[in-house]
Amino acid sequence: MTTESRSSKNSPLDSLQDDLSEIIETFVHLGVQVHDFQGTQEAKIGLANNINKVVSELQRLSDKPDLKNIAIPLDIINYVEDGRNPDIYTREFVEVVRKLNQYLNGKSLALQRFRDTLSTCIKQEFPELADEVENIKERTAS
C-alpha cells in the first residue's frame, strides 16, 4: 500500500489497521522463509531484508504522533495478550450492554407505570391536588 492511499484514510485507526496488516503479512513471509530456509547466501539476504522490513515498519508505527492519542483499554490489551480474539471481547461487551440496556429500559417503563398509577390514585383521593399531580407528570414524562 502506498503512502498516498494511506493518507486518504479518514481516521488514525484505519491507517493503523493497514499498517498492522502489512506487518502481519511480513511476519507470514518471514515464517515461510524460516521454514524453508536453505542456508544459501540468497536465502540469508532475503531473510535479512524481511527482518529489516519488519523492524522499519514497527519503528515507523511507533513514531506516528496520531497514535499516541489513542487510548486502548487495559482489558483489551490483557485479553489479546492472553491469546484471545478481540472480536469475541467486542461481541461479549455488546451483549452485556444490550442486556443492561433492556434491564434499565424495563425499570424505566415500570417506574413510568407506577407514576401513572400513583397519580391516578392521588387524584381520586385528593382531587384538590390534581393540578399539581399533572404538573409533576408532565415534568417527569420522557
Protein backbone atom coordinates (compact mmCIF):
# COMPACT_ATOMS: atom_id res chain seq x y z
CA MET A 1 0.00 0.00 0.00
CA THR A 2 1.36 3.39 -0.95
CA THR A 3 1.65 6.33 1.40
CA GLU A 4 -0.80 8.21 -0.83
CA SER A 5 -3.55 5.65 -0.28
CA ARG A 6 -2.72 5.54 3.43
CA SER A 7 -3.14 9.29 3.78
CA SER A 8 -6.58 9.11 2.14
CA LYS A 9 -7.90 7.14 5.13
CA ASN A 10 -10.23 9.07 7.40
CA SER A 11 -9.03 8.08 10.84
CA PRO A 12 -5.78 7.08 12.50
CA LEU A 13 -7.35 3.71 13.31
CA ASP A 14 -7.88 2.97 9.61
CA SER A 15 -4.25 3.79 8.95
CA LEU A 16 -3.18 1.69 11.93
CA GLN A 17 -5.18 -1.26 10.66
CA ASP A 18 -3.49 -1.05 7.26
CA ASP A 19 -0.04 -0.78 8.86
CA LEU A 20 -0.68 -3.75 11.13
CA SER A 21 -1.92 -5.77 8.15
CA GLU A 22 1.36 -5.05 6.36
CA ILE A 23 3.37 -6.08 9.41
CA ILE A 24 1.38 -9.30 9.80
CA GLU A 25 1.88 -10.08 6.12
CA THR A 26 5.63 -9.54 6.52
CA PHE A 27 5.65 -11.86 9.55
CA VAL A 28 3.88 -14.52 7.49
CA HIS A 29 6.54 -14.18 4.78
CA LEU A 30 9.24 -14.43 7.44
CA GLY A 31 7.66 -17.59 8.81
CA VAL A 32 7.63 -19.19 5.37
CA GLN A 33 11.24 -18.14 4.76
CA VAL A 34 12.39 -19.55 8.09
CA HIS A 35 10.51 -22.79 7.49
CA ASP A 36 12.02 -23.23 4.01
CA PHE A 37 15.44 -21.79 4.90
CA GLN A 38 18.14 -23.50 2.79
CA GLY A 39 21.18 -21.72 4.22
CA THR A 40 22.25 -20.24 0.90
CA GLN A 41 23.59 -16.71 0.63
CA GLU A 42 20.49 -15.68 -1.34
CA ALA A 43 18.20 -17.06 1.40
CA LYS A 44 20.19 -15.23 4.07
CA ILE A 45 19.88 -11.93 2.21
CA GLY A 46 16.12 -12.42 1.69
CA LEU A 47 15.63 -13.26 5.37
CA ALA A 48 17.71 -10.25 6.46
CA ASN A 49 15.72 -7.98 4.14
CA ASN A 50 12.40 -9.14 5.60
CA ILE A 51 13.67 -8.77 9.17
CA ASN A 52 14.84 -5.24 8.37
CA LYS A 53 11.46 -4.52 6.78
CA VAL A 54 9.62 -5.61 9.95
CA VAL A 55 11.93 -3.52 12.12
CA SER A 56 11.46 -0.43 9.96
CA GLU A 57 7.66 -0.91 9.81
CA LEU A 58 7.49 -1.25 13.60
CA GLN A 59 9.71 1.81 14.03
CA ARG A 60 7.56 3.84 11.63
CA LEU A 61 4.45 2.68 13.50
CA SER A 62 5.86 3.68 16.89
CA ASP A 63 6.82 7.13 15.57
CA LYS A 64 3.31 8.08 14.45
CA PRO A 65 2.16 11.07 16.53
CA ASP A 66 -1.56 10.50 15.87
CA LEU A 67 -1.40 7.06 17.53
CA LYS A 68 -0.18 8.44 20.83
CA ASN A 69 -3.66 9.91 21.45
CA ILE A 70 -5.49 6.61 21.03
CA ALA A 71 -6.36 5.06 24.36
CA ILE A 72 -6.74 1.29 24.31
CA PRO A 73 -8.43 -0.13 27.40
CA LEU A 74 -6.19 -2.32 29.52
CA ASP A 75 -8.84 -5.07 29.48
CA ILE A 76 -8.49 -5.42 25.73
CA ILE A 77 -4.70 -5.49 25.88
CA ASN A 78 -4.82 -8.22 28.54
CA TYR A 79 -7.43 -10.09 26.50
CA VAL A 80 -5.17 -10.11 23.43
CA GLU A 81 -2.05 -10.93 25.45
CA ASP A 82 -3.87 -14.00 26.76
CA GLY A 83 -4.20 -15.15 23.15
CA ARG A 84 -7.90 -14.44 22.87
CA ASN A 85 -9.70 -12.87 19.93
CA PRO A 86 -10.64 -9.19 20.47
CA ASP A 87 -13.69 -9.69 18.23
CA ILE A 88 -15.07 -12.09 20.84
CA TYR A 89 -14.41 -9.47 23.54
CA THR A 90 -16.36 -6.93 21.48
CA ARG A 91 -19.24 -9.37 20.94
CA GLU A 92 -19.40 -10.18 24.67
CA PHE A 93 -19.22 -6.47 25.56
CA VAL A 94 -22.07 -5.62 23.17
CA GLU A 95 -24.15 -8.47 24.62
CA VAL A 96 -23.61 -7.23 28.19
CA VAL A 97 -24.51 -3.66 27.20
CA ARG A 98 -27.62 -4.90 25.37
CA LYS A 99 -28.79 -6.87 28.43
CA LEU A 100 -28.14 -3.91 30.73
CA ASN A 101 -30.00 -1.62 28.35
CA GLN A 102 -33.00 -3.97 28.33
CA TYR A 103 -32.94 -4.18 32.13
CA LEU A 104 -32.78 -0.41 32.56
CA ASN A 105 -35.47 0.11 29.93
CA GLY A 106 -37.71 -2.31 31.84
CA LYS A 107 -37.09 -0.45 35.09
CA SER A 108 -37.88 2.86 33.38
CA LEU A 109 -41.17 1.53 32.00
CA ALA A 110 -42.10 0.08 35.39
CA LEU A 111 -41.43 3.42 37.09
CA GLN A 112 -43.50 5.25 34.47
CA ARG A 113 -46.41 2.88 35.03
CA PHE A 114 -46.04 3.28 38.80
CA ARG A 115 -46.05 7.09 38.38
CA ASP A 116 -49.22 6.92 36.30
CA THR A 117 -50.96 4.57 38.74
CA LEU A 118 -49.92 6.63 41.76
CA SER A 119 -51.04 9.86 40.13
CA THR A 120 -54.45 8.35 39.36
CA CYS A 121 -54.85 7.18 42.95
CA ILE A 122 -53.74 10.55 44.38
CA LYS A 123 -56.20 12.41 42.13
CA GLN A 124 -59.02 10.12 43.25
CA GLU A 125 -58.27 10.57 46.95
CA PHE A 126 -57.23 14.22 46.82
CA PRO A 127 -58.98 15.94 43.89
CA GLU A 128 -57.64 19.32 45.00
CA LEU A 129 -54.09 18.13 44.11
CA ALA A 130 -54.99 17.20 40.53
CA ASP A 131 -53.22 20.24 39.00
CA GLU A 132 -50.00 19.59 40.95
CA VAL A 133 -50.10 15.90 40.05
CA GLU A 134 -50.50 16.72 36.35
CA ASN A 135 -47.65 19.22 36.59
CA ILE A 136 -45.39 16.56 38.11
CA LYS A 137 -46.40 14.02 35.46
CA GLU A 138 -45.56 16.48 32.67
CA ARG A 139 -42.14 17.23 34.17
CA THR A 140 -41.30 13.55 34.59
CA ALA A 141 -42.56 12.41 31.18
CA SER A 142 -39.83 11.10 28.92
